[in-house]
Amino acid sequence: MNAKHRKTLAAIFARPTSPNIVFAGIESLVIGLGGFVKEREGSRVKITLYEEQWHCHRPHPGKEAKRYQVEEARELLERAGVKP
């Protein structure tokens, strides 16, 4: 995990939840941790990390993840045993 991934991980676990996290950064973090991002129909993606899955939509037209998406990403990371 590089410095950018560590910064994204810290931002995901920060309270209150930040609305300024770029969704591509979350995807990059998951891939850096050994997970997979699978393209689905439209803007849907399936993110898999250590047998844990998260189905979501990429934000559009903006690139920042919504607060609820950051919270769902935090839950995925916690289920997978990843902590900052």
Protein backbone atom coordinates (compact mmCIF):
# COMPACT_ATOMS: atom_id res chain seq x y z
CA MET A 1 0.00 0.00 0.00
CA ASN A 2 1.49 3.31 -1.04
CA ALA A 3 1.18 6.72 0.64
CA LYS A 4 -1.85 7.73 -1.43
CA HIS A 5 -3.68 4.55 -0.39
CA ARG A 6 -2.88 5.22 3.29
CA LYS A 7 -4.21 8.78 2.93
CA THR A 8 -7.44 7.50 1.32
CA LEU A 9 -7.82 4.85 4.03
CA ALA A 10 -7.44 7.47 6.77
CA ALA A 11 -10.00 9.72 5.02
CA ILE A 12 -12.52 6.85 4.78
CA PHE A 13 -12.25 6.14 8.52
CA ALA A 14 -12.29 9.83 9.55
CA ARG A 15 -15.29 11.15 11.48
CA PRO A 16 -17.40 13.02 10.46
CA THR A 17 -17.66 11.33 7.09
CA SER A 18 -15.99 13.34 4.34
CA PRO A 19 -17.84 14.01 1.07
CA ASN A 20 -14.57 14.90 -0.72
CA ILE A 21 -13.12 11.43 -1.35
CA VAL A 22 -12.68 10.62 -5.03
CA PHE A 23 -14.41 7.33 -5.86
CA ALA A 24 -11.50 6.25 -8.08
CA GLY A 25 -9.28 6.56 -4.99
CA ILE A 26 -11.48 4.05 -3.15
CA GLU A 27 -11.24 1.67 -6.12
CA SER A 28 -7.46 2.12 -6.23
CA LEU A 29 -7.20 1.40 -2.49
CA VAL A 30 -9.18 -1.84 -2.85
CA ILE A 31 -6.99 -2.96 -5.75
CA GLY A 32 -3.87 -2.03 -3.75
CA LEU A 33 -5.11 -4.26 -0.92
CA GLY A 34 -5.48 -7.20 -3.32
CA GLY A 35 -9.16 -6.76 -4.16
CA PHE A 36 -11.00 -6.58 -7.47
CA VAL A 37 -13.27 -4.05 -9.17
CA LYS A 38 -15.59 -5.55 -11.76
CA GLU A 39 -17.50 -3.39 -14.23
CA ARG A 40 -21.23 -4.08 -14.37
CA GLU A 41 -24.10 -2.59 -16.36
CA GLY A 42 -24.10 1.18 -16.69
CA SER A 43 -22.29 2.82 -13.81
CA ARG A 44 -22.55 -0.20 -11.52
CA VAL A 45 -19.45 -1.84 -10.08
CA LYS A 46 -18.87 -4.89 -7.90
CA ILE A 47 -16.00 -4.43 -5.46
CA THR A 48 -14.56 -7.57 -3.87
CA LEU A 49 -12.01 -7.57 -1.04
CA TYR A 50 -11.06 -10.77 0.85
CA GLU A 51 -14.34 -12.51 -0.09
CA GLU A 52 -16.38 -9.49 1.06
CA GLN A 53 -18.45 -7.79 -1.66
CA TRP A 54 -19.94 -4.36 -2.18
CA HIS A 55 -22.27 -3.55 -5.09
CA CYS A 56 -22.57 0.15 -5.84
CA HIS A 57 -22.85 2.82 -8.53
CA ARG A 58 -20.04 5.13 -9.54
CA PRO A 59 -21.01 8.71 -8.81
CA HIS A 60 -21.92 10.84 -11.79
CA PRO A 61 -21.64 13.49 -13.08
CA GLY A 62 -19.16 14.29 -10.28
CA LYS A 63 -16.21 12.13 -9.26
CA GLU A 64 -16.52 12.42 -5.46
CA ALA A 65 -18.14 9.59 -3.54
CA LYS A 66 -21.32 10.47 -1.67
CA ARG A 67 -21.27 10.26 2.14
CA TYR A 68 -23.28 7.04 2.16
CA GLN A 69 -20.83 5.49 -0.31
CA VAL A 70 -17.87 6.39 1.93
CA GLU A 71 -19.72 4.82 4.88
CA GLU A 72 -20.42 1.67 2.83
CA ALA A 73 -16.74 1.53 1.81
CA ARG A 74 -15.79 1.83 5.50
CA GLU A 75 -18.12 -1.07 6.32
CA LEU A 76 -16.57 -3.19 3.55
CA LEU A 77 -13.07 -2.49 4.85
CA GLU A 78 -14.11 -3.30 8.43
CA ARG A 79 -15.72 -6.60 7.37
CA ALA A 80 -12.51 -7.45 5.50
CA GLY A 81 -10.44 -6.67 8.61
CA VAL A 82 -8.70 -3.56 7.24
CA LYS A 83 -8.02 -0.76 9.72
CA PRO A 84 -6.06 2.50 9.29
